[in-house]
Amino acid sequence: ARDIGGMTVGLIGTGKVGIAVAAAFKALGSEVLAYDAVESQDLQKIVASGGVGASLDDVLIRSDVVSLHAPLLRATQGMINAEKIAKMKPGAILVNAASEKLIDEKAVFDAVMSGALGGLAVDRYETAASAEAAAEDRNYAILAALPNVLITQEQAANTVSTLKMIIEANNKSVQQYLAGEKITLEI
């Protein structure tokens, strides 16, 4: 087992979730590197709280843990591919808390199996979008059985507080719509 304190954690994407993740890792004694495709207030908040702004390559090369929080855009789809994984520290851990489409699943599978990636945590695995697909996907079955892999299949956010926040946001949107106001959905 590795101790999080003293590790270098690289964040790719620095929105609200990235800020919270950076604060948690800083509190545990990790160095936090943060990359965002655009210079943003969120990135500046991470830097102001002790994180370091870095290039994508620098995040990949220096991090013991790489955590994805980027939105799915044309530019980010499949961004973690064999070329990017090859830049990562041997044995680094990849965490994808964003869209499953940010990673090239075949490249990630190969990297986990070869040991190039020391661990993998994903909230969703694209080719296993349903129980039937998961049962037919040999790579998914192999990954799911490994002790250094965690696949939550979109269960990580199923908490009472998250569901309450979603309900409140939806109720607010309905009220705004019925009042003829602009809908300002924010979760």
N, C-alpha and C. Protein backbone atom coordinates (compact mmCIF):
# COMPACT_ATOMS: atom_id res chain seq x y z
N ALA A 1 0.85 -1.19 0.00
CA ALA A 1 0.00 0.00 0.00
C ALA A 1 0.88 1.24 0.00
N ARG A 2 0.41 2.25 -0.67
CA ARG A 2 1.14 3.50 -0.76
C ARG A 2 0.47 4.54 0.12
N ASP A 3 1.27 5.44 0.68
CA ASP A 3 0.77 6.52 1.51
C ASP A 3 0.51 7.74 0.63
N ILE A 4 -0.68 8.31 0.71
CA ILE A 4 -1.03 9.46 -0.12
C ILE A 4 -0.18 10.68 0.22
N GLY A 5 0.11 10.86 1.51
CA GLY A 5 0.96 11.97 1.91
C GLY A 5 2.31 11.84 1.24
N GLY A 6 2.75 12.91 0.61
CA GLY A 6 4.02 12.87 -0.09
C GLY A 6 3.92 12.51 -1.56
N MET A 7 2.79 12.01 -1.99
CA MET A 7 2.60 11.71 -3.41
C MET A 7 2.37 13.00 -4.19
N THR A 8 2.63 12.93 -5.47
CA THR A 8 2.28 14.02 -6.38
C THR A 8 1.02 13.60 -7.11
N VAL A 9 0.00 14.44 -6.99
CA VAL A 9 -1.29 14.16 -7.62
C VAL A 9 -1.51 15.19 -8.72
N GLY A 10 -1.77 14.71 -9.92
CA GLY A 10 -2.02 15.60 -11.05
C GLY A 10 -3.49 15.62 -11.40
N LEU A 11 -4.04 16.81 -11.49
CA LEU A 11 -5.45 16.97 -11.86
C LEU A 11 -5.53 17.48 -13.30
N ILE A 12 -6.37 16.85 -14.08
CA ILE A 12 -6.63 17.30 -15.44
C ILE A 12 -8.09 17.73 -15.46
N GLY A 13 -8.29 19.05 -15.49
CA GLY A 13 -9.62 19.64 -15.36
C GLY A 13 -9.75 20.23 -13.97
N THR A 14 -10.12 21.51 -13.91
CA THR A 14 -10.08 22.20 -12.61
C THR A 14 -11.39 22.92 -12.28
N GLY A 15 -12.51 22.31 -12.59
CA GLY A 15 -13.79 22.91 -12.22
C GLY A 15 -14.05 22.73 -10.73
N LYS A 16 -15.32 22.78 -10.36
CA LYS A 16 -15.69 22.65 -8.94
C LYS A 16 -15.18 21.36 -8.32
N VAL A 17 -15.30 20.26 -9.07
CA VAL A 17 -14.84 18.98 -8.54
C VAL A 17 -13.32 18.99 -8.41
N GLY A 18 -12.63 19.51 -9.41
CA GLY A 18 -11.17 19.59 -9.36
C GLY A 18 -10.69 20.39 -8.16
N ILE A 19 -11.37 21.49 -7.85
CA ILE A 19 -11.01 22.31 -6.69
C ILE A 19 -11.16 21.50 -5.40
N ALA A 20 -12.27 20.78 -5.28
CA ALA A 20 -12.52 19.98 -4.07
C ALA A 20 -11.50 18.84 -3.95
N VAL A 21 -11.19 18.20 -5.06
CA VAL A 21 -10.22 17.11 -5.04
C VAL A 21 -8.83 17.64 -4.67
N ALA A 22 -8.47 18.80 -5.22
CA ALA A 22 -7.18 19.40 -4.91
C ALA A 22 -7.09 19.69 -3.41
N ALA A 23 -8.15 20.25 -2.83
CA ALA A 23 -8.15 20.57 -1.40
C ALA A 23 -8.00 19.30 -0.56
N ALA A 24 -8.68 18.24 -0.96
CA ALA A 24 -8.60 16.98 -0.20
C ALA A 24 -7.18 16.41 -0.24
N PHE A 25 -6.58 16.38 -1.42
CA PHE A 25 -5.23 15.84 -1.53
C PHE A 25 -4.21 16.72 -0.81
N LYS A 26 -4.38 18.04 -0.88
CA LYS A 26 -3.47 18.94 -0.16
C LYS A 26 -3.58 18.67 1.34
N ALA A 27 -4.80 18.47 1.83
CA ALA A 27 -5.01 18.21 3.26
C ALA A 27 -4.34 16.91 3.70
N LEU A 28 -4.18 15.98 2.78
CA LEU A 28 -3.54 14.70 3.09
C LEU A 28 -2.03 14.73 2.89
N GLY A 29 -1.50 15.90 2.51
CA GLY A 29 -0.06 16.06 2.38
C GLY A 29 0.51 15.81 1.01
N SER A 30 -0.34 15.77 0.00
CA SER A 30 0.14 15.55 -1.37
C SER A 30 0.51 16.87 -2.04
N GLU A 31 1.46 16.79 -2.96
CA GLU A 31 1.71 17.91 -3.86
C GLU A 31 0.66 17.82 -4.96
N VAL A 32 0.04 18.94 -5.31
CA VAL A 32 -1.01 18.93 -6.33
C VAL A 32 -0.56 19.74 -7.54
N LEU A 33 -0.55 19.08 -8.70
CA LEU A 33 -0.31 19.74 -9.98
C LEU A 33 -1.66 19.83 -10.69
N ALA A 34 -1.94 20.95 -11.34
CA ALA A 34 -3.23 21.11 -11.98
C ALA A 34 -3.06 21.63 -13.41
N TYR A 35 -3.77 20.98 -14.32
CA TYR A 35 -3.78 21.39 -15.72
C TYR A 35 -5.21 21.63 -16.15
N ASP A 36 -5.41 22.69 -16.89
CA ASP A 36 -6.69 22.94 -17.55
C ASP A 36 -6.37 23.52 -18.92
N ALA A 37 -7.15 23.14 -19.92
CA ALA A 37 -6.90 23.61 -21.28
C ALA A 37 -7.04 25.12 -21.39
N VAL A 38 -7.82 25.70 -20.50
CA VAL A 38 -8.00 27.16 -20.49
C VAL A 38 -7.62 27.70 -19.13
N GLU A 39 -6.99 28.86 -19.14
CA GLU A 39 -6.67 29.53 -17.88
C GLU A 39 -8.00 29.96 -17.27
N SER A 40 -8.29 29.50 -16.07
CA SER A 40 -9.59 29.76 -15.48
C SER A 40 -9.46 30.21 -14.03
N GLN A 41 -10.55 30.76 -13.51
CA GLN A 41 -10.58 31.13 -12.09
C GLN A 41 -10.43 29.88 -11.22
N ASP A 42 -10.97 28.77 -11.67
CA ASP A 42 -10.86 27.53 -10.90
C ASP A 42 -9.40 27.09 -10.78
N LEU A 43 -8.66 27.18 -11.87
CA LEU A 43 -7.24 26.84 -11.83
C LEU A 43 -6.51 27.79 -10.88
N GLN A 44 -6.85 29.06 -10.94
CA GLN A 44 -6.22 30.05 -10.06
C GLN A 44 -6.54 29.78 -8.59
N LYS A 45 -7.75 29.28 -8.30
CA LYS A 45 -8.11 28.92 -6.92
C LYS A 45 -7.22 27.78 -6.41
N ILE A 46 -6.97 26.81 -7.27
CA ILE A 46 -6.11 25.68 -6.87
C ILE A 46 -4.68 26.18 -6.62
N VAL A 47 -4.19 27.05 -7.49
CA VAL A 47 -2.84 27.60 -7.32
C VAL A 47 -2.78 28.44 -6.04
N ALA A 48 -3.82 29.25 -5.80
CA ALA A 48 -3.85 30.10 -4.60
C ALA A 48 -3.86 29.27 -3.31
N SER A 49 -4.39 28.05 -3.39
CA SER A 49 -4.45 27.20 -2.19
C SER A 49 -3.24 26.27 -2.07
N GLY A 50 -2.21 26.52 -2.86
CA GLY A 50 -0.98 25.75 -2.72
C GLY A 50 -0.70 24.75 -3.82
N GLY A 51 -1.61 24.64 -4.78
CA GLY A 51 -1.36 23.77 -5.92
C GLY A 51 -0.44 24.45 -6.91
N VAL A 52 -0.02 23.73 -7.93
CA VAL A 52 0.89 24.27 -8.93
C VAL A 52 0.25 24.10 -10.30
N GLY A 53 0.13 25.18 -11.06
CA GLY A 53 -0.33 25.08 -12.44
C GLY A 53 0.75 24.41 -13.27
N ALA A 54 0.36 23.51 -14.16
CA ALA A 54 1.34 22.76 -14.94
C ALA A 54 0.79 22.44 -16.32
N SER A 55 1.70 22.10 -17.23
CA SER A 55 1.28 21.65 -18.56
C SER A 55 0.73 20.23 -18.44
N LEU A 56 0.02 19.79 -19.46
CA LEU A 56 -0.50 18.42 -19.47
C LEU A 56 0.65 17.42 -19.39
N ASP A 57 1.69 17.63 -20.17
CA ASP A 57 2.83 16.71 -20.13
C ASP A 57 3.46 16.67 -18.75
N ASP A 58 3.61 17.84 -18.11
CA ASP A 58 4.22 17.88 -16.78
C ASP A 58 3.37 17.11 -15.77
N VAL A 59 2.05 17.25 -15.86
CA VAL A 59 1.16 16.50 -14.97
C VAL A 59 1.36 15.00 -15.18
N LEU A 60 1.41 14.57 -16.42
CA LEU A 60 1.55 13.14 -16.72
C LEU A 60 2.91 12.61 -16.26
N ILE A 61 3.97 13.35 -16.53
CA ILE A 61 5.33 12.89 -16.23
C ILE A 61 5.61 12.84 -14.73
N ARG A 62 5.09 13.81 -13.97
CA ARG A 62 5.48 13.95 -12.56
C ARG A 62 4.53 13.30 -11.56
N SER A 63 3.33 12.94 -11.97
CA SER A 63 2.31 12.53 -11.00
C SER A 63 2.33 11.04 -10.68
N ASP A 64 2.15 10.75 -9.39
CA ASP A 64 1.95 9.38 -8.93
C ASP A 64 0.50 8.96 -9.15
N VAL A 65 -0.39 9.94 -9.08
CA VAL A 65 -1.82 9.74 -9.34
C VAL A 65 -2.25 10.80 -10.33
N VAL A 66 -2.93 10.39 -11.40
CA VAL A 66 -3.50 11.32 -12.37
C VAL A 66 -5.01 11.19 -12.26
N SER A 67 -5.68 12.30 -11.96
CA SER A 67 -7.12 12.29 -11.73
C SER A 67 -7.81 13.19 -12.76
N LEU A 68 -8.73 12.61 -13.51
CA LEU A 68 -9.41 13.33 -14.60
C LEU A 68 -10.72 13.95 -14.13
N HIS A 69 -10.86 15.25 -14.43
CA HIS A 69 -12.09 15.98 -14.09
C HIS A 69 -12.49 16.91 -15.22
N ALA A 70 -12.02 16.65 -16.41
CA ALA A 70 -12.27 17.50 -17.57
C ALA A 70 -13.63 17.20 -18.18
N PRO A 71 -14.23 18.20 -18.83
CA PRO A 71 -15.49 17.94 -19.53
C PRO A 71 -15.23 17.16 -20.81
N LEU A 72 -16.24 16.47 -21.31
CA LEU A 72 -16.11 15.76 -22.58
C LEU A 72 -16.32 16.76 -23.71
N LEU A 73 -15.27 16.99 -24.46
CA LEU A 73 -15.29 17.85 -25.64
C LEU A 73 -14.57 17.11 -26.76
N ARG A 74 -14.64 17.61 -27.96
CA ARG A 74 -13.90 16.96 -29.05
C ARG A 74 -12.41 16.86 -28.69
N ALA A 75 -11.90 17.92 -28.06
CA ALA A 75 -10.47 17.96 -27.74
C ALA A 75 -10.09 17.02 -26.60
N THR A 76 -11.04 16.63 -25.77
CA THR A 76 -10.72 15.77 -24.62
C THR A 76 -11.10 14.31 -24.85
N GLN A 77 -11.90 14.03 -25.87
CA GLN A 77 -12.32 12.65 -26.11
C GLN A 77 -11.10 11.78 -26.42
N GLY A 78 -10.92 10.72 -25.66
CA GLY A 78 -9.80 9.81 -25.86
C GLY A 78 -8.45 10.42 -25.52
N MET A 79 -8.45 11.47 -24.71
CA MET A 79 -7.19 12.18 -24.43
C MET A 79 -6.17 11.31 -23.69
N ILE A 80 -6.63 10.37 -22.88
CA ILE A 80 -5.69 9.47 -22.21
C ILE A 80 -5.60 8.21 -23.07
N ASN A 81 -4.60 8.23 -23.94
CA ASN A 81 -4.38 7.16 -24.90
C ASN A 81 -3.00 6.54 -24.65
N ALA A 82 -2.57 5.64 -25.51
CA ALA A 82 -1.29 4.96 -25.32
C ALA A 82 -0.12 5.96 -25.26
N GLU A 83 -0.17 6.98 -26.09
CA GLU A 83 0.90 7.98 -26.11
C GLU A 83 0.99 8.73 -24.77
N LYS A 84 -0.16 9.11 -24.22
CA LYS A 84 -0.17 9.84 -22.94
C LYS A 84 0.21 8.91 -21.78
N ILE A 85 -0.26 7.69 -21.82
CA ILE A 85 0.08 6.72 -20.77
C ILE A 85 1.58 6.46 -20.75
N ALA A 86 2.21 6.43 -21.92
CA ALA A 86 3.65 6.20 -22.01
C ALA A 86 4.44 7.32 -21.33
N LYS A 87 3.85 8.50 -21.22
CA LYS A 87 4.52 9.62 -20.55
C LYS A 87 4.39 9.55 -19.02
N MET A 88 3.44 8.76 -18.54
CA MET A 88 3.18 8.70 -17.10
C MET A 88 4.28 7.92 -16.37
N LYS A 89 4.41 8.21 -15.08
CA LYS A 89 5.35 7.47 -14.25
C LYS A 89 4.99 5.99 -14.29
N PRO A 90 5.98 5.12 -14.35
CA PRO A 90 5.67 3.68 -14.26
C PRO A 90 4.95 3.38 -12.93
N GLY A 91 3.84 2.69 -13.02
CA GLY A 91 3.10 2.33 -11.82
C GLY A 91 2.15 3.41 -11.32
N ALA A 92 2.01 4.50 -12.07
CA ALA A 92 1.08 5.57 -11.65
C ALA A 92 -0.35 5.04 -11.61
N ILE A 93 -1.17 5.71 -10.85
CA ILE A 93 -2.59 5.36 -10.72
C ILE A 93 -3.40 6.34 -11.53
N LEU A 94 -4.33 5.85 -12.33
CA LEU A 94 -5.22 6.69 -13.13
C LEU A 94 -6.61 6.65 -12.52
N VAL A 95 -7.15 7.84 -12.24
CA VAL A 95 -8.50 7.98 -11.70
C VAL A 95 -9.31 8.78 -12.72
N ASN A 96 -10.42 8.23 -13.17
CA ASN A 96 -11.29 8.97 -14.08
C ASN A 96 -12.63 9.20 -13.40
N ALA A 97 -12.80 10.41 -12.89
CA ALA A 97 -14.05 10.80 -12.25
C ALA A 97 -14.93 11.58 -13.22
N ALA A 98 -14.52 11.63 -14.46
CA ALA A 98 -15.26 12.36 -15.49
C ALA A 98 -15.87 11.37 -16.48
N SER A 99 -16.07 11.80 -17.69
CA SER A 99 -16.67 10.94 -18.71
C SER A 99 -15.75 9.78 -19.06
N GLU A 100 -16.35 8.60 -19.24
CA GLU A 100 -15.58 7.43 -19.63
C GLU A 100 -14.94 7.61 -21.00
N LYS A 101 -15.44 8.55 -21.78
CA LYS A 101 -14.91 8.77 -23.13
C LYS A 101 -13.61 9.56 -23.15
N LEU A 102 -13.15 10.00 -21.96
CA LEU A 102 -11.86 10.69 -21.91
C LEU A 102 -10.70 9.72 -22.06
N ILE A 103 -10.95 8.43 -21.81
CA ILE A 103 -9.87 7.45 -21.88
C ILE A 103 -10.07 6.50 -23.05
N ASP A 104 -8.96 6.06 -23.60
CA ASP A 104 -8.94 5.01 -24.61
C ASP A 104 -8.91 3.71 -23.81
N GLU A 105 -10.04 3.03 -23.71
CA GLU A 105 -10.14 1.86 -22.84
C GLU A 105 -9.17 0.75 -23.20
N LYS A 106 -8.91 0.54 -24.46
CA LYS A 106 -7.97 -0.51 -24.89
C LYS A 106 -6.56 -0.17 -24.39
N ALA A 107 -6.16 1.09 -24.56
CA ALA A 107 -4.83 1.51 -24.10
C ALA A 107 -4.71 1.40 -22.59
N VAL A 108 -5.77 1.79 -21.88
CA VAL A 108 -5.76 1.70 -20.42
C VAL A 108 -5.72 0.24 -19.98
N PHE A 109 -6.50 -0.63 -20.62
CA PHE A 109 -6.48 -2.05 -20.31
C PHE A 109 -5.07 -2.61 -20.48
N ASP A 110 -4.46 -2.32 -21.63
CA ASP A 110 -3.11 -2.82 -21.90
C ASP A 110 -2.13 -2.32 -20.84
N ALA A 111 -2.26 -1.05 -20.44
CA ALA A 111 -1.33 -0.46 -19.45
C ALA A 111 -1.50 -1.08 -18.07
N VAL A 112 -2.74 -1.37 -17.69
CA VAL A 112 -2.97 -2.02 -16.39
C VAL A 112 -2.40 -3.44 -16.43
N MET A 113 -2.66 -4.14 -17.50
CA MET A 113 -2.21 -5.53 -17.60
C MET A 113 -0.68 -5.64 -17.65
N SER A 114 -0.02 -4.66 -18.24
CA SER A 114 1.45 -4.69 -18.34
C SER A 114 2.13 -4.15 -17.08
N GLY A 115 1.35 -3.49 -16.22
CA GLY A 115 1.93 -2.88 -15.03
C GLY A 115 2.37 -1.44 -15.24
N ALA A 116 2.26 -0.93 -16.47
CA ALA A 116 2.60 0.47 -16.72
C ALA A 116 1.74 1.38 -15.85
N LEU A 117 0.47 1.02 -15.69
CA LEU A 117 -0.41 1.68 -14.72
C LEU A 117 -0.49 0.77 -13.51
N GLY A 118 -0.24 1.34 -12.34
CA GLY A 118 -0.27 0.54 -11.11
C GLY A 118 -1.65 0.39 -10.53
N GLY A 119 -2.59 1.19 -11.03
CA GLY A 119 -3.96 1.11 -10.54
C GLY A 119 -4.88 1.92 -11.42
N LEU A 120 -6.16 1.62 -11.32
CA LEU A 120 -7.18 2.29 -12.12
C LEU A 120 -8.45 2.40 -11.29
N ALA A 121 -9.02 3.60 -11.28
CA ALA A 121 -10.32 3.81 -10.65
C ALA A 121 -11.16 4.62 -11.62
N VAL A 122 -12.29 4.07 -12.01
CA VAL A 122 -13.19 4.76 -12.95
C VAL A 122 -14.62 4.68 -12.44
N ASP A 123 -15.36 5.74 -12.69
CA ASP A 123 -16.76 5.76 -12.29
C ASP A 123 -17.65 5.11 -13.35
N ARG A 124 -17.08 4.88 -14.52
CA ARG A 124 -17.85 4.24 -15.57
C ARG A 124 -16.87 3.69 -16.61
N TYR A 125 -17.20 2.54 -17.14
CA TYR A 125 -16.41 1.91 -18.18
C TYR A 125 -17.30 1.80 -19.40
N GLU A 126 -16.94 2.51 -20.48
CA GLU A 126 -17.84 2.69 -21.62
C GLU A 126 -18.37 1.40 -22.21
N THR A 127 -17.51 0.42 -22.43
CA THR A 127 -17.98 -0.79 -23.11
C THR A 127 -18.87 -1.65 -22.21
N ALA A 128 -18.98 -1.28 -20.95
CA ALA A 128 -19.84 -2.02 -20.03
C ALA A 128 -21.02 -1.14 -19.60
N ALA A 129 -21.64 -0.50 -20.59
CA ALA A 129 -22.73 0.43 -20.30
C ALA A 129 -23.96 -0.27 -19.73
N SER A 130 -24.06 -1.56 -19.93
CA SER A 130 -25.18 -2.31 -19.37
C SER A 130 -24.63 -3.61 -18.79
N ALA A 131 -25.43 -4.28 -17.98
CA ALA A 131 -25.01 -5.55 -17.39
C ALA A 131 -24.73 -6.57 -18.48
N GLU A 132 -25.54 -6.54 -19.55
CA GLU A 132 -25.35 -7.48 -20.65
C GLU A 132 -24.03 -7.21 -21.36
N ALA A 133 -23.73 -5.94 -21.62
CA ALA A 133 -22.47 -5.58 -22.29
C ALA A 133 -21.28 -5.95 -21.41
N ALA A 134 -21.41 -5.71 -20.11
CA ALA A 134 -20.31 -6.04 -19.19
C ALA A 134 -20.03 -7.54 -19.20
N ALA A 135 -21.09 -8.33 -19.25
CA ALA A 135 -20.93 -9.79 -19.25
C ALA A 135 -20.21 -10.27 -20.51
N GLU A 136 -20.38 -9.54 -21.61
CA GLU A 136 -19.77 -9.95 -22.88
C GLU A 136 -18.38 -9.36 -23.09
N ASP A 137 -18.00 -8.36 -22.31
CA ASP A 137 -16.72 -7.68 -22.50
C ASP A 137 -15.65 -8.37 -21.67
N ARG A 138 -14.79 -9.12 -22.33
CA ARG A 138 -13.74 -9.89 -21.64
C ARG A 138 -12.78 -8.97 -20.89
N ASN A 139 -12.38 -7.86 -21.51
CA ASN A 139 -11.46 -6.94 -20.86
C ASN A 139 -12.06 -6.36 -19.59
N TYR A 140 -13.34 -6.00 -19.64
CA TYR A 140 -14.02 -5.47 -18.46
C TYR A 140 -14.01 -6.51 -17.34
N ALA A 141 -14.32 -7.74 -17.68
CA ALA A 141 -14.37 -8.80 -16.67
C ALA A 141 -12.99 -9.00 -16.02
N ILE A 142 -11.96 -8.96 -16.82
CA ILE A 142 -10.60 -9.11 -16.29
C ILE A 142 -10.26 -7.94 -15.37
N LEU A 143 -10.50 -6.69 -15.85
CA LEU A 143 -10.20 -5.51 -15.03
C LEU A 143 -10.98 -5.53 -13.72
N ALA A 144 -12.27 -5.81 -13.81
CA ALA A 144 -13.13 -5.78 -12.62
C ALA A 144 -12.68 -6.76 -11.55
N ALA A 145 -11.97 -7.81 -11.95
CA ALA A 145 -11.51 -8.83 -11.00
C ALA A 145 -10.16 -8.49 -10.37
N LEU A 146 -9.48 -7.47 -10.88
CA LEU A 146 -8.14 -7.15 -10.37
C LEU A 146 -8.22 -6.37 -9.06
N PRO A 147 -7.30 -6.64 -8.12
CA PRO A 147 -7.33 -5.94 -6.83
C PRO A 147 -6.90 -4.47 -6.91
N ASN A 148 -6.25 -4.07 -8.00
CA ASN A 148 -5.81 -2.68 -8.14
C ASN A 148 -6.71 -1.87 -9.07
N VAL A 149 -7.93 -2.37 -9.30
CA VAL A 149 -8.90 -1.70 -10.17
C VAL A 149 -10.22 -1.54 -9.45
N LEU A 150 -10.78 -0.33 -9.54
CA LEU A 150 -12.09 -0.04 -8.97
C LEU A 150 -12.97 0.54 -10.06
N ILE A 151 -14.07 -0.12 -10.36
CA ILE A 151 -15.05 0.37 -11.34
C ILE A 151 -16.38 0.47 -10.62
N THR A 152 -16.86 1.70 -10.46
CA THR A 152 -18.08 1.89 -9.67
C THR A 152 -19.35 1.93 -10.52
N GLN A 153 -19.22 1.98 -11.84
CA GLN A 153 -20.38 2.03 -12.74
C GLN A 153 -21.42 3.07 -12.30
N GLU A 154 -20.95 4.31 -12.16
CA GLU A 154 -21.76 5.47 -11.84
C GLU A 154 -22.45 5.39 -10.48
N GLN A 155 -21.88 4.64 -9.57
CA GLN A 155 -22.45 4.55 -8.23
C GLN A 155 -21.76 5.49 -7.25
N ALA A 156 -20.62 6.03 -7.63
CA ALA A 156 -19.85 6.88 -6.71
C ALA A 156 -20.64 8.11 -6.28
N ALA A 157 -21.52 8.61 -7.13
CA ALA A 157 -22.27 9.82 -6.79
C ALA A 157 -23.64 9.51 -6.17
N ASN A 158 -23.96 8.26 -5.98
CA ASN A 158 -25.26 7.90 -5.42
C ASN A 158 -25.24 8.00 -3.89
N THR A 159 -25.27 9.23 -3.42
CA THR A 159 -25.35 9.48 -1.99
C THR A 159 -26.61 10.27 -1.72
N VAL A 160 -27.06 10.25 -0.49
CA VAL A 160 -28.27 10.99 -0.12
C VAL A 160 -28.08 12.48 -0.40
N SER A 161 -26.93 13.03 -0.04
CA SER A 161 -26.72 14.47 -0.24
C SER A 161 -26.68 14.84 -1.72
N THR A 162 -26.07 13.99 -2.56
CA THR A 162 -26.03 14.27 -4.00
C THR A 162 -27.42 14.20 -4.60
N LEU A 163 -28.18 13.18 -4.25
CA LEU A 163 -29.54 13.06 -4.77
C LEU A 163 -30.41 14.23 -4.31
N LYS A 164 -30.23 14.66 -3.07
CA LYS A 164 -30.98 15.82 -2.56
C LYS A 164 -30.62 17.07 -3.36
N MET A 165 -29.34 17.26 -3.65
CA MET A 165 -28.90 18.42 -4.41
C MET A 165 -29.49 18.39 -5.83
N ILE A 166 -29.54 17.22 -6.45
CA ILE A 166 -30.12 17.09 -7.80
C ILE A 166 -31.62 17.41 -7.77
N ILE A 167 -32.32 16.89 -6.78
CA ILE A 167 -33.76 17.17 -6.66
C ILE A 167 -34.00 18.66 -6.46
N GLU A 168 -33.23 19.29 -5.58
CA GLU A 168 -33.38 20.72 -5.33
C GLU A 168 -33.11 21.54 -6.59
N ALA A 169 -32.07 21.17 -7.34
CA ALA A 169 -31.74 21.89 -8.58
C ALA A 169 -32.86 21.72 -9.61
N ASN A 170 -33.40 20.51 -9.73
CA ASN A 170 -34.50 20.28 -10.67
C ASN A 170 -35.75 21.05 -10.26
N ASN A 171 -36.05 21.06 -8.97
CA ASN A 171 -37.21 21.82 -8.49
C ASN A 171 -37.05 23.30 -8.81
N LYS A 172 -35.88 23.85 -8.59
CA LYS A 172 -35.61 25.25 -8.88
C LYS A 172 -35.80 25.53 -10.37
N SER A 173 -35.32 24.62 -11.23
CA SER A 173 -35.47 24.79 -12.67
C SER A 173 -36.93 24.80 -13.09
N VAL A 174 -37.72 23.90 -12.51
CA VAL A 174 -39.16 23.86 -12.82
C VAL A 174 -39.82 25.16 -12.39
N GLN A 175 -39.49 25.64 -11.19
CA GLN A 175 -40.06 26.91 -10.71
C GLN A 175 -39.67 28.07 -11.62
N GLN A 176 -38.43 28.11 -12.05
CA GLN A 176 -37.98 29.17 -12.96
C GLN A 176 -38.73 29.08 -14.29
N TYR A 177 -38.89 27.87 -14.81
CA TYR A 177 -39.60 27.69 -16.07
C TYR A 177 -41.04 28.16 -15.96
N LEU A 178 -41.72 27.73 -14.89
CA LEU A 178 -43.13 28.10 -14.70
C LEU A 178 -43.30 29.60 -14.50
N ALA A 179 -42.29 30.28 -13.95
CA ALA A 179 -42.35 31.72 -13.75
C ALA A 179 -41.89 32.48 -14.99
N GLY A 180 -41.52 31.78 -16.05
CA GLY A 180 -41.07 32.42 -17.26
C GLY A 180 -39.67 33.00 -17.16
N GLU A 181 -38.91 32.52 -16.18
CA GLU A 181 -37.54 33.03 -15.97
C GLU A 181 -36.53 32.16 -16.70
N LYS A 182 -35.33 32.71 -16.84
CA LYS A 182 -34.23 31.94 -17.42
C LYS A 182 -33.86 30.84 -16.43
N ILE A 183 -33.64 29.63 -16.95
CA ILE A 183 -33.27 28.50 -16.11
C ILE A 183 -31.76 28.56 -15.85
N THR A 184 -31.40 28.57 -14.59
CA THR A 184 -29.99 28.67 -14.20
C THR A 184 -29.57 27.42 -13.42
N LEU A 185 -29.63 26.29 -14.08
CA LEU A 185 -29.29 25.02 -13.44
C LEU A 185 -27.82 25.00 -13.06
N GLU A 186 -27.55 24.77 -11.78
CA GLU A 186 -26.18 24.65 -11.31
C GLU A 186 -26.11 23.57 -10.26
N ILE A 187 -25.29 22.56 -10.55
CA ILE A 187 -25.09 21.48 -9.60
C ILE A 187 -23.63 21.45 -9.20
